Amino acid sequence: MYDIIVIGAGAAGMTAALYALRNGRSVLVLESESLGGQIATSPRLENYPSIKEISGEQFADNLFEQISALGTELEIEKVEYVCKNNGTFTVKTEYNEYESKAVILASGVKHRHIETKSNRDDLVGKGVYYCAICDGPFYKDKEVMVIGNGNTALQYALLLSSYCSKVYIYTRKDRFSGDGRLVNTLLAKDNIEWRKSVSIIDFLGEKELAAVQYADQDGNVKTHNITGVFVAIGQIPDNKAFDNMVDLDERGYVIASEDCKTKTEGFFVAGDCRTKAVRQVATACSDGAIAATNACMYIESLS
């Protein structure tokens, strides 16, 4: 029996483990894939307080070393189901079952990856990015491309236009689906060019992005030489396995406010998998601290 089981070993999950361990609690962290979550794929992290520059991978490694030194346990297992009976949580994975007094869900989200002819996921972080806030500043005074037509794509394009020499925004349709205010602001920018009704075919380049191949509205195949592309076609939460414990909104995010509490007592949520306005590594760590602190207080209330 553990005091707390944390589901997810990203920034939110490992910070939750850190705070729980420092409160003297036994902690098991369950991760289905790899340590660090989305931040681990960022080549450089420059917007975390007190750290001038660090790779996302190193940031995640440092956090894992910190919680390991405090005695956390880690298992690479995908959680399939969670239930609560007589005040005890049972967490079932593909291999085992574990019990705890409280659970913190920090499963994060995944950026919806664009499907291309060659599926060049090897270029992610090497010219193809999914977060302009994180990686956009590396392209100061350079030309970049944004792919997407919603609010996130519009916001990315506007942000990038403030320090990039030129921003091209490519959309599959002939209209934007984002807020009218953002659209009007974008269209008024001299250094943003909208190319509509296009279909992305492939990302080209050997070790780094060199160009984007696309089909225009007439079906003509063209190549755009560019070294920085920001894809904003949505994010995907994966919370279906926990819908018996929490309420989900229409997009699949766990409904929870800043206290990180859910409808089930003792079951908390932290990070990008919950309903929130800002999804950054700093806010994920904040959620982890809040969820763990409230989980410890919940366990105290049981005695």
C-alpha atoms as a PDB file:
ATOM      1  CA  MET A   1       0.000   0.000   0.000  1.00  0.00           C
ATOM      2  CA  TYR A   2       1.415   3.350  -1.103  1.00  0.00           C
ATOM      3  CA  ASP A   3       0.372   6.690   0.263  1.00  0.00           C
ATOM      4  CA  ILE A   4       0.163   8.232  -3.221  1.00  0.00           C
ATOM      5  CA  ILE A   5       0.284   6.840  -6.739  1.00  0.00           C
ATOM      6  CA  VAL A   6       1.170   9.383  -9.413  1.00  0.00           C
ATOM      7  CA  ILE A   7       0.097   8.532 -12.964  1.00  0.00           C
ATOM      8  CA  GLY A   8       2.486  10.226 -15.368  1.00  0.00           C
ATOM      9  CA  ALA A   9       6.154  11.182 -15.134  1.00  0.00           C
ATOM     10  CA  GLY A  10       6.119  14.547 -16.851  1.00  0.00           C
ATOM     11  CA  ALA A  11       6.844  17.855 -15.155  1.00  0.00           C
ATOM     12  CA  ALA A  12       3.532  17.818 -13.259  1.00  0.00           C
ATOM     13  CA  GLY A  13       3.786  14.200 -12.150  1.00  0.00           C
ATOM     14  CA  MET A  14       7.392  14.355 -10.996  1.00  0.00           C
ATOM     15  CA  THR A  15       6.813  17.643  -9.173  1.00  0.00           C
ATOM     16  CA  ALA A  16       3.840  16.039  -7.429  1.00  0.00           C
ATOM     17  CA  ALA A  17       6.078  13.153  -6.405  1.00  0.00           C
ATOM     18  CA  LEU A  18       8.700  15.606  -5.140  1.00  0.00           C
ATOM     19  CA  TYR A  19       6.257  17.444  -2.888  1.00  0.00           C
ATOM     20  CA  ALA A  20       4.674  14.240  -1.600  1.00  0.00           C
ATOM     21  CA  LEU A  21       8.065  12.695  -0.800  1.00  0.00           C
ATOM     22  CA  ARG A  22       9.169  15.814   1.042  1.00  0.00           C
ATOM     23  CA  ASN A  23       6.010  15.466   3.105  1.00  0.00           C
ATOM     24  CA  GLY A  24       7.164  12.023   4.164  1.00  0.00           C
ATOM     25  CA  ARG A  25       4.794  10.058   1.933  1.00  0.00           C
ATOM     26  CA  SER A  26       5.541   6.858   0.034  1.00  0.00           C
ATOM     27  CA  VAL A  27       5.119   7.416  -3.694  1.00  0.00           C
ATOM     28  CA  LEU A  28       4.835   5.207  -6.757  1.00  0.00           C
ATOM     29  CA  VAL A  29       5.080   6.880 -10.174  1.00  0.00           C
ATOM     30  CA  LEU A  30       3.587   5.034 -13.131  1.00  0.00           C
ATOM     31  CA  GLU A  31       4.595   6.123 -16.636  1.00  0.00           C
ATOM     32  CA  SER A  32       3.413   4.485 -19.848  1.00  0.00           C
ATOM     33  CA  GLU A  33       6.135   5.759 -22.177  1.00  0.00           C
ATOM     34  CA  SER A  34       9.196   7.805 -21.235  1.00  0.00           C
ATOM     35  CA  LEU A  35      10.235  10.261 -18.545  1.00  0.00           C
ATOM     36  CA  GLY A  36       9.658  13.964 -18.948  1.00  0.00           C
ATOM     37  CA  GLY A  37       6.529  14.167 -21.062  1.00  0.00           C
ATOM     38  CA  GLN A  38       6.376  16.855 -23.747  1.00  0.00           C
ATOM     39  CA  ILE A  39       9.139  18.983 -22.266  1.00  0.00           C
ATOM     40  CA  ALA A  40      11.676  16.202 -22.762  1.00  0.00           C
ATOM     41  CA  THR A  41      11.393  16.697 -26.539  1.00  0.00           C
ATOM     42  CA  SER A  42      12.278  20.406 -26.413  1.00  0.00           C
ATOM     43  CA  PRO A  43      15.889  21.084 -27.449  1.00  0.00           C
ATOM     44  CA  ARG A  44      16.142  24.139 -25.191  1.00  0.00           C
ATOM     45  CA  LEU A  45      14.088  25.332 -22.241  1.00  0.00           C
ATOM     46  CA  GLU A  46      14.590  29.035 -21.576  1.00  0.00           C
ATOM     47  CA  ASN A  47      11.359  30.152 -19.887  1.00  0.00           C
ATOM     48  CA  TYR A  48      11.645  28.382 -16.538  1.00  0.00           C
ATOM     49  CA  PRO A  49      12.423  30.686 -13.583  1.00  0.00           C
ATOM     50  CA  SER A  50      16.075  30.701 -12.394  1.00  0.00           C
ATOM     51  CA  ILE A  51      17.284  28.514 -15.284  1.00  0.00           C
ATOM     52  CA  LYS A  52      18.778  30.560 -18.122  1.00  0.00           C
ATOM     53  CA  GLU A  53      18.965  27.649 -20.545  1.00  0.00           C
ATOM     54  CA  ILE A  54      18.671  23.877 -20.323  1.00  0.00           C
ATOM     55  CA  SER A  55      17.569  21.120 -22.664  1.00  0.00           C
ATOM     56  CA  GLY A  56      14.154  19.681 -21.963  1.00  0.00           C
ATOM     57  CA  GLU A  57      15.706  16.249 -21.629  1.00  0.00           C
ATOM     58  CA  GLN A  58      18.211  17.457 -19.031  1.00  0.00           C
ATOM     59  CA  PHE A  59      15.464  19.262 -17.120  1.00  0.00           C
ATOM     60  CA  ALA A  60      13.460  16.036 -16.942  1.00  0.00           C
ATOM     61  CA  ASP A  61      16.546  14.013 -15.976  1.00  0.00           C
ATOM     62  CA  ASN A  62      17.370  16.449 -13.174  1.00  0.00           C
ATOM     63  CA  LEU A  63      13.838  16.240 -11.810  1.00  0.00           C
ATOM     64  CA  PHE A  64      13.892  12.450 -11.921  1.00  0.00           C
ATOM     65  CA  GLU A  65      17.252  12.322 -10.110  1.00  0.00           C
ATOM     66  CA  GLN A  66      15.797  14.617  -7.462  1.00  0.00           C
ATOM     67  CA  ILE A  67      12.786  12.409  -6.731  1.00  0.00           C
ATOM     68  CA  SER A  68      14.841   9.221  -6.997  1.00  0.00           C
ATOM     69  CA  ALA A  69      17.191  10.485  -4.293  1.00  0.00           C
ATOM     70  CA  LEU A  70      14.154  10.970  -2.052  1.00  0.00           C
ATOM     71  CA  GLY A  71      13.014   7.402  -2.551  1.00  0.00           C
ATOM     72  CA  THR A  72      10.307   7.417  -5.183  1.00  0.00           C
ATOM     73  CA  GLU A  73       9.505   4.180  -6.985  1.00  0.00           C
ATOM     74  CA  LEU A  74       8.973   4.169 -10.739  1.00  0.00           C
ATOM     75  CA  GLU A  75       7.380   1.585 -13.008  1.00  0.00           C
ATOM     76  CA  ILE A  76       7.025   1.886 -16.786  1.00  0.00           C
ATOM     77  CA  GLU A  77       3.489   0.548 -17.056  1.00  0.00           C
ATOM     78  CA  LYS A  78       0.356   1.873 -18.733  1.00  0.00           C
ATOM     79  CA  VAL A  79      -2.558   2.372 -16.362  1.00  0.00           C
ATOM     80  CA  GLU A  80      -5.733   0.727 -17.627  1.00  0.00           C
ATOM     81  CA  TYR A  81      -8.179   1.309 -14.794  1.00  0.00           C
ATOM     82  CA  VAL A  82      -8.582   2.935 -11.393  1.00  0.00           C
ATOM     83  CA  CYS A  83     -11.278   2.230  -8.813  1.00  0.00           C
ATOM     84  CA  LYS A  84     -11.924   3.128  -5.187  1.00  0.00           C
ATOM     85  CA  ASN A  85     -13.373   0.732  -2.624  1.00  0.00           C
ATOM     86  CA  ASN A  86     -13.661   1.308   1.112  1.00  0.00           C
ATOM     87  CA  GLY A  87     -11.379   4.328   0.890  1.00  0.00           C
ATOM     88  CA  THR A  88      -8.586   2.498  -0.949  1.00  0.00           C
ATOM     89  CA  PHE A  89      -7.631   3.092  -4.561  1.00  0.00           C
ATOM     90  CA  THR A  90      -6.721   0.163  -6.791  1.00  0.00           C
ATOM     91  CA  VAL A  91      -4.668   1.094  -9.845  1.00  0.00           C
ATOM     92  CA  LYS A  92      -4.565  -1.621 -12.496  1.00  0.00           C
ATOM     93  CA  THR A  93      -1.852  -1.547 -15.138  1.00  0.00           C
ATOM     94  CA  GLU A  94      -1.158  -3.834 -18.053  1.00  0.00           C
ATOM     95  CA  TYR A  95       1.039  -5.947 -15.762  1.00  0.00           C
ATOM     96  CA  ASN A  96       0.133  -5.367 -12.109  1.00  0.00           C
ATOM     97  CA  GLU A  97      -2.269  -3.958  -9.541  1.00  0.00           C
ATOM     98  CA  TYR A  98      -1.266  -1.410  -6.918  1.00  0.00           C
ATOM     99  CA  GLU A  99      -3.082   0.134  -3.970  1.00  0.00           C
ATOM    100  CA  SER A 100      -2.867   3.610  -2.497  1.00  0.00           C
ATOM    101  CA  LYS A 101      -4.607   6.086  -0.237  1.00  0.00           C
ATOM    102  CA  ALA A 102      -4.629   8.824  -2.895  1.00  0.00           C
ATOM    103  CA  VAL A 103      -4.023   9.154  -6.625  1.00  0.00           C
ATOM    104  CA  ILE A 104      -2.686  12.064  -8.676  1.00  0.00           C
ATOM    105  CA  LEU A 105      -3.411  11.913 -12.398  1.00  0.00           C
ATOM    106  CA  ALA A 106      -0.764  13.761 -14.432  1.00  0.00           C
ATOM    107  CA  SER A 107      -1.075  12.014 -17.777  1.00  0.00           C
ATOM    108  CA  GLY A 108      -0.537  15.189 -19.800  1.00  0.00           C
ATOM    109  CA  VAL A 109      -1.540  15.604 -23.424  1.00  0.00           C
ATOM    110  CA  LYS A 110       0.063  14.978 -26.744  1.00  0.00           C
ATOM    111  CA  HIS A 111       0.282  17.463 -29.569  1.00  0.00           C
ATOM    112  CA  ARG A 112      -1.708  16.209 -32.496  1.00  0.00           C
ATOM    113  CA  HIS A 113       1.005  15.383 -35.008  1.00  0.00           C
ATOM    114  CA  ILE A 114       0.461  16.243 -38.627  1.00  0.00           C
ATOM    115  CA  GLU A 115       0.313  13.283 -40.986  1.00  0.00           C
ATOM    116  CA  THR A 116       2.751  13.584 -43.880  1.00  0.00           C
ATOM    117  CA  LYS A 117       3.821  11.346 -46.712  1.00  0.00           C
ATOM    118  CA  SER A 118       7.033  10.201 -44.993  1.00  0.00           C
ATOM    119  CA  ASN A 119       5.909  10.619 -41.351  1.00  0.00           C
ATOM    120  CA  ARG A 120       9.031  12.617 -40.488  1.00  0.00           C
ATOM    121  CA  ASP A 121       8.722  12.550 -36.708  1.00  0.00           C
ATOM    122  CA  ASP A 122      12.530  12.467 -36.633  1.00  0.00           C
ATOM    123  CA  LEU A 123      12.448  16.180 -37.515  1.00  0.00           C
ATOM    124  CA  VAL A 124      10.471  17.120 -34.398  1.00  0.00           C
ATOM    125  CA  GLY A 125      12.746  19.455 -32.456  1.00  0.00           C
ATOM    126  CA  LYS A 126      14.941  19.827 -35.533  1.00  0.00           C
ATOM    127  CA  GLY A 127      12.901  22.348 -37.478  1.00  0.00           C
ATOM    128  CA  VAL A 128       9.411  20.988 -36.799  1.00  0.00           C
ATOM    129  CA  TYR A 129       7.908  22.174 -33.521  1.00  0.00           C
ATOM    130  CA  TYR A 130       4.628  22.038 -31.662  1.00  0.00           C
ATOM    131  CA  CYS A 131       5.138  24.944 -29.246  1.00  0.00           C
ATOM    132  CA  ALA A 132       5.948  28.438 -30.512  1.00  0.00           C
ATOM    133  CA  ILE A 133       6.170  29.826 -26.986  1.00  0.00           C
ATOM    134  CA  CYS A 134       8.911  27.340 -26.147  1.00  0.00           C
ATOM    135  CA  ASP A 135      10.872  27.243 -29.391  1.00  0.00           C
ATOM    136  CA  GLY A 136       9.900  30.314 -31.388  1.00  0.00           C
ATOM    137  CA  PRO A 137      12.625  32.610 -29.996  1.00  0.00           C
ATOM    138  CA  PHE A 138      15.281  30.450 -31.656  1.00  0.00           C
ATOM    139  CA  TYR A 139      14.056  31.835 -34.994  1.00  0.00           C
ATOM    140  CA  LYS A 140      14.423  35.529 -34.258  1.00  0.00           C
ATOM    141  CA  ASP A 141      14.886  37.540 -37.470  1.00  0.00           C
ATOM    142  CA  LYS A 142      14.203  34.420 -39.574  1.00  0.00           C
ATOM    143  CA  GLU A 143      11.281  33.269 -41.697  1.00  0.00           C
ATOM    144  CA  VAL A 144       8.990  30.624 -40.199  1.00  0.00           C
ATOM    145  CA  MET A 145       5.798  28.770 -41.051  1.00  0.00           C
ATOM    146  CA  VAL A 146       2.723  28.058 -38.924  1.00  0.00           C
ATOM    147  CA  ILE A 147       0.335  25.242 -39.863  1.00  0.00           C
ATOM    148  CA  GLY A 148      -3.208  25.405 -38.493  1.00  0.00           C
ATOM    149  CA  ASN A 149      -6.310  27.586 -38.548  1.00  0.00           C
ATOM    150  CA  GLY A 150      -7.552  27.729 -34.936  1.00  0.00           C
ATOM    151  CA  ASN A 151      -6.853  30.053 -32.027  1.00  0.00           C
ATOM    152  CA  THR A 152      -3.550  28.397 -31.147  1.00  0.00           C
ATOM    153  CA  ALA A 153      -2.252  28.764 -34.705  1.00  0.00           C
ATOM    154  CA  LEU A 154      -3.374  32.395 -34.815  1.00  0.00           C
ATOM    155  CA  GLN A 155      -1.720  33.135 -31.479  1.00  0.00           C
ATOM    156  CA  TYR A 156       1.470  31.383 -32.582  1.00  0.00           C
ATOM    157  CA  ALA A 157       1.596  33.415 -35.801  1.00  0.00           C
ATOM    158  CA  LEU A 158       1.066  36.704 -33.949  1.00  0.00           C
ATOM    159  CA  LEU A 159       3.683  35.843 -31.351  1.00  0.00           C
ATOM    160  CA  LEU A 160       6.236  34.811 -33.966  1.00  0.00           C
ATOM    161  CA  SER A 161       5.560  37.935 -36.034  1.00  0.00           C
ATOM    162  CA  SER A 162       6.826  40.071 -33.151  1.00  0.00           C
ATOM    163  CA  TYR A 163      10.409  38.848 -33.623  1.00  0.00           C
ATOM    164  CA  CYS A 164      10.556  36.817 -36.854  1.00  0.00           C
ATOM    165  CA  SER A 165      11.172  38.594 -40.130  1.00  0.00           C
ATOM    166  CA  LYS A 166       8.283  36.812 -41.893  1.00  0.00           C
ATOM    167  CA  VAL A 167       5.567  34.358 -40.847  1.00  0.00           C
ATOM    168  CA  TYR A 168       3.674  32.214 -43.324  1.00  0.00           C
ATOM    169  CA  ILE A 169       0.461  30.638 -42.048  1.00  0.00           C
ATOM    170  CA  TYR A 170      -0.851  27.659 -43.983  1.00  0.00           C
ATOM    171  CA  THR A 171      -4.451  26.465 -43.643  1.00  0.00           C
ATOM    172  CA  ARG A 172      -6.296  23.546 -45.231  1.00  0.00           C
ATOM    173  CA  LYS A 173      -9.455  25.586 -45.569  1.00  0.00           C
ATOM    174  CA  ASP A 174     -10.096  29.036 -46.996  1.00  0.00           C
ATOM    175  CA  ARG A 175     -11.014  30.469 -43.611  1.00  0.00           C
ATOM    176  CA  PHE A 176      -9.854  30.562 -40.014  1.00  0.00           C
ATOM    177  CA  SER A 177     -11.796  28.878 -37.243  1.00  0.00           C
ATOM    178  CA  GLY A 178     -10.371  31.088 -34.486  1.00  0.00           C
ATOM    179  CA  ASP A 179     -11.701  34.234 -32.842  1.00  0.00           C
ATOM    180  CA  GLY A 180     -12.521  37.112 -35.164  1.00  0.00           C
ATOM    181  CA  ARG A 181     -10.418  39.526 -33.129  1.00  0.00           C
ATOM    182  CA  LEU A 182      -7.337  37.366 -33.609  1.00  0.00           C
ATOM    183  CA  VAL A 183      -8.060  36.961 -37.310  1.00  0.00           C
ATOM    184  CA  ASN A 184      -8.378  40.712 -37.831  1.00  0.00           C
ATOM    185  CA  THR A 185      -5.182  41.390 -35.918  1.00  0.00           C
ATOM    186  CA  LEU A 186      -3.325  38.761 -37.933  1.00  0.00           C
ATOM    187  CA  LEU A 187      -4.560  40.040 -41.290  1.00  0.00           C
ATOM    188  CA  ALA A 188      -3.377  43.550 -40.380  1.00  0.00           C
ATOM    189  CA  LYS A 189       0.209  42.388 -39.847  1.00  0.00           C
ATOM    190  CA  ASP A 190       2.572  43.297 -42.687  1.00  0.00           C
ATOM    191  CA  ASN A 191       4.969  40.418 -42.001  1.00  0.00           C
ATOM    192  CA  ILE A 192       2.333  37.638 -41.926  1.00  0.00           C
ATOM    193  CA  GLU A 193       1.323  35.976 -45.179  1.00  0.00           C
ATOM    194  CA  TRP A 194      -1.711  33.667 -45.260  1.00  0.00           C
ATOM    195  CA  ARG A 195      -1.666  30.813 -47.736  1.00  0.00           C
ATOM    196  CA  LYS A 196      -5.073  29.128 -47.680  1.00  0.00           C
ATOM    197  CA  SER A 197      -6.617  25.975 -49.116  1.00  0.00           C
ATOM    198  CA  VAL A 198      -3.314  24.121 -49.118  1.00  0.00           C
ATOM    199  CA  SER A 199      -2.462  20.579 -48.136  1.00  0.00           C
ATOM    200  CA  ILE A 200       0.849  19.704 -46.507  1.00  0.00           C
ATOM    201  CA  ILE A 201       2.432  16.721 -48.250  1.00  0.00           C
ATOM    202  CA  ASP A 202       5.812  16.223 -46.596  1.00  0.00           C
ATOM    203  CA  PHE A 203       8.662  17.666 -44.552  1.00  0.00           C
ATOM    204  CA  LEU A 204      11.988  17.550 -46.373  1.00  0.00           C
ATOM    205  CA  GLY A 205      15.518  17.478 -45.027  1.00  0.00           C
ATOM    206  CA  GLU A 206      18.132  15.017 -43.856  1.00  0.00           C
ATOM    207  CA  LYS A 207      19.045  15.744 -40.237  1.00  0.00           C
ATOM    208  CA  GLU A 208      17.144  19.033 -39.993  1.00  0.00           C
ATOM    209  CA  LEU A 209      14.139  20.553 -41.747  1.00  0.00           C
ATOM    210  CA  ALA A 210      15.031  22.167 -45.056  1.00  0.00           C
ATOM    211  CA  ALA A 211      11.686  22.567 -46.824  1.00  0.00           C
ATOM    212  CA  VAL A 212       7.978  21.807 -46.812  1.00  0.00           C
ATOM    213  CA  GLN A 213       6.267  20.159 -49.762  1.00  0.00           C
ATOM    214  CA  TYR A 214       2.605  21.081 -50.241  1.00  0.00           C
ATOM    215  CA  ALA A 215      -0.232  21.155 -52.752  1.00  0.00           C
ATOM    216  CA  ASP A 216      -1.879  24.506 -53.463  1.00  0.00           C
ATOM    217  CA  GLN A 217      -5.602  25.071 -53.954  1.00  0.00           C
ATOM    218  CA  ASP A 218      -5.304  24.046 -57.606  1.00  0.00           C
ATOM    219  CA  GLY A 219      -3.538  20.795 -56.764  1.00  0.00           C
ATOM    220  CA  ASN A 220      -0.103  21.952 -57.929  1.00  0.00           C
ATOM    221  CA  VAL A 221       2.733  20.426 -55.883  1.00  0.00           C
ATOM    222  CA  LYS A 222       5.166  23.049 -54.625  1.00  0.00           C
ATOM    223  CA  THR A 223       8.127  23.313 -52.269  1.00  0.00           C
ATOM    224  CA  HIS A 224       8.635  26.025 -49.666  1.00  0.00           C
ATOM    225  CA  ASN A 225      12.247  26.294 -48.481  1.00  0.00           C
ATOM    226  CA  ILE A 226      12.081  27.011 -44.758  1.00  0.00           C
ATOM    227  CA  THR A 227      13.868  25.818 -41.612  1.00  0.00           C
ATOM    228  CA  GLY A 228      11.273  26.458 -38.916  1.00  0.00           C
ATOM    229  CA  VAL A 229       7.694  25.124 -38.876  1.00  0.00           C
ATOM    230  CA  PHE A 230       5.233  25.344 -35.981  1.00  0.00           C
ATOM    231  CA  VAL A 231       2.326  22.925 -36.115  1.00  0.00           C
ATOM    232  CA  ALA A 232      -0.835  23.868 -34.222  1.00  0.00           C
ATOM    233  CA  ILE A 233      -3.588  21.436 -35.175  1.00  0.00           C
ATOM    234  CA  GLY A 234      -4.748  20.531 -31.684  1.00  0.00           C
ATOM    235  CA  GLN A 235      -3.803  18.506 -28.622  1.00  0.00           C
ATOM    236  CA  ILE A 236      -5.027  15.122 -27.510  1.00  0.00           C
ATOM    237  CA  PRO A 237      -5.720  14.172 -23.873  1.00  0.00           C
ATOM    238  CA  ASP A 238      -6.009  10.491 -23.007  1.00  0.00           C
ATOM    239  CA  ASN A 239      -8.248  10.366 -19.959  1.00  0.00           C
ATOM    240  CA  LYS A 240     -10.913   7.878 -21.010  1.00  0.00           C
ATOM    241  CA  ALA A 241      -9.557   5.214 -18.661  1.00  0.00           C
ATOM    242  CA  PHE A 242     -10.358   7.467 -15.698  1.00  0.00           C
ATOM    243  CA  ASP A 243     -13.869   8.621 -16.566  1.00  0.00           C
ATOM    244  CA  ASN A 244     -15.289   6.618 -13.664  1.00  0.00           C
ATOM    245  CA  MET A 245     -13.216   8.760 -11.285  1.00  0.00           C
ATOM    246  CA  VAL A 246     -13.514  12.196 -12.894  1.00  0.00           C
ATOM    247  CA  ASP A 247     -15.734  14.357 -15.057  1.00  0.00           C
ATOM    248  CA  LEU A 248     -14.440  15.071 -18.558  1.00  0.00           C
ATOM    249  CA  ASP A 249     -15.293  18.031 -20.732  1.00  0.00           C
ATOM    250  CA  GLU A 250     -16.314  17.694 -24.380  1.00  0.00           C
ATOM    251  CA  ARG A 251     -12.665  17.520 -25.471  1.00  0.00           C
ATOM    252  CA  GLY A 252     -11.670  14.868 -22.958  1.00  0.00           C
ATOM    253  CA  TYR A 253      -9.907  17.080 -20.387  1.00  0.00           C
ATOM    254  CA  VAL A 254     -10.453  16.414 -16.687  1.00  0.00           C
ATOM    255  CA  ILE A 255     -12.697  19.083 -15.177  1.00  0.00           C
ATOM    256  CA  ALA A 256     -10.847  20.590 -12.223  1.00  0.00           C
ATOM    257  CA  SER A 257     -10.038  24.070 -10.963  1.00  0.00           C
ATOM    258  CA  GLU A 258      -6.827  25.469  -9.508  1.00  0.00           C
ATOM    259  CA  ASP A 259      -7.100  23.259  -6.390  1.00  0.00           C
ATOM    260  CA  CYS A 260      -6.581  20.220  -8.660  1.00  0.00           C
ATOM    261  CA  LYS A 261      -9.420  18.326  -6.967  1.00  0.00           C
ATOM    262  CA  THR A 262     -11.821  16.094  -8.903  1.00  0.00           C
ATOM    263  CA  LYS A 263     -15.272  14.748  -8.095  1.00  0.00           C
ATOM    264  CA  THR A 264     -13.708  11.754  -6.323  1.00  0.00           C
ATOM    265  CA  GLU A 265     -12.228  12.428  -2.899  1.00  0.00           C
ATOM    266  CA  GLY A 266      -8.563  11.497  -2.841  1.00  0.00           C
ATOM    267  CA  PHE A 267      -8.229  11.594  -6.648  1.00  0.00           C
ATOM    268  CA  PHE A 268      -6.382  14.687  -7.878  1.00  0.00           C
ATOM    269  CA  VAL A 269      -5.294  15.927 -11.303  1.00  0.00           C
ATOM    270  CA  ALA A 270      -2.288  18.010 -12.327  1.00  0.00           C
ATOM    271  CA  GLY A 271      -0.870  19.495 -15.490  1.00  0.00           C
ATOM    272  CA  ASP A 272      -2.001  19.657 -19.076  1.00  0.00           C
ATOM    273  CA  CYS A 273      -4.588  16.874 -18.810  1.00  0.00           C
ATOM    274  CA  ARG A 274      -6.953  19.126 -16.827  1.00  0.00           C
ATOM    275  CA  THR A 275      -9.075  22.061 -17.937  1.00  0.00           C
ATOM    276  CA  LYS A 276      -6.881  25.159 -17.846  1.00  0.00           C
ATOM    277  CA  ALA A 277      -6.006  28.236 -19.864  1.00  0.00           C
ATOM    278  CA  VAL A 278      -2.192  28.068 -19.852  1.00  0.00           C
ATOM    279  CA  ARG A 279      -0.248  24.893 -20.535  1.00  0.00           C
ATOM    280  CA  GLN A 280       3.445  25.482 -19.837  1.00  0.00           C
ATOM    281  CA  VAL A 281       6.097  23.628 -17.851  1.00  0.00           C
ATOM    282  CA  ALA A 282       5.901  26.233 -15.078  1.00  0.00           C
ATOM    283  CA  THR A 283       2.140  25.803 -14.688  1.00  0.00           C
ATOM    284  CA  ALA A 284       2.502  22.016 -14.809  1.00  0.00           C
ATOM    285  CA  CYS A 285       4.979  22.122 -11.940  1.00  0.00           C
ATOM    286  CA  SER A 286       2.629  24.458 -10.055  1.00  0.00           C
ATOM    287  CA  ASP A 287      -0.219  21.984 -10.465  1.00  0.00           C
ATOM    288  CA  GLY A 288       1.995  19.142  -9.269  1.00  0.00           C
ATOM    289  CA  ALA A 289       2.860  21.022  -6.084  1.00  0.00           C
ATOM    290  CA  ILE A 290      -0.781  21.920  -5.422  1.00  0.00           C
ATOM    291  CA  ALA A 291      -2.116  18.431  -6.128  1.00  0.00           C
ATOM    292  CA  ALA A 292       0.493  16.762  -3.910  1.00  0.00           C
ATOM    293  CA  THR A 293      -0.064  19.197  -1.052  1.00  0.00           C
ATOM    294  CA  ASN A 294      -3.815  18.622  -1.187  1.00  0.00           C
ATOM    295  CA  ALA A 295      -3.302  14.865  -1.454  1.00  0.00           C
ATOM    296  CA  CYS A 296      -1.157  14.905   1.691  1.00  0.00           C
ATOM    297  CA  MET A 297      -3.799  16.932   3.507  1.00  0.00           C
ATOM    298  CA  TYR A 298      -6.437  14.446   2.375  1.00  0.00           C
ATOM    299  CA  ILE A 299      -4.406  11.520   3.737  1.00  0.00           C
ATOM    300  CA  GLU A 300      -3.960  13.384   7.029  1.00  0.00           C
ATOM    301  CA  SER A 301      -7.732  13.723   7.268  1.00  0.00           C
ATOM    302  CA  LEU A 302      -8.139   9.940   7.087  1.00  0.00           C
ATOM    303  CA  SER A 303      -6.367   9.364  10.421  1.00  0.00           C
END
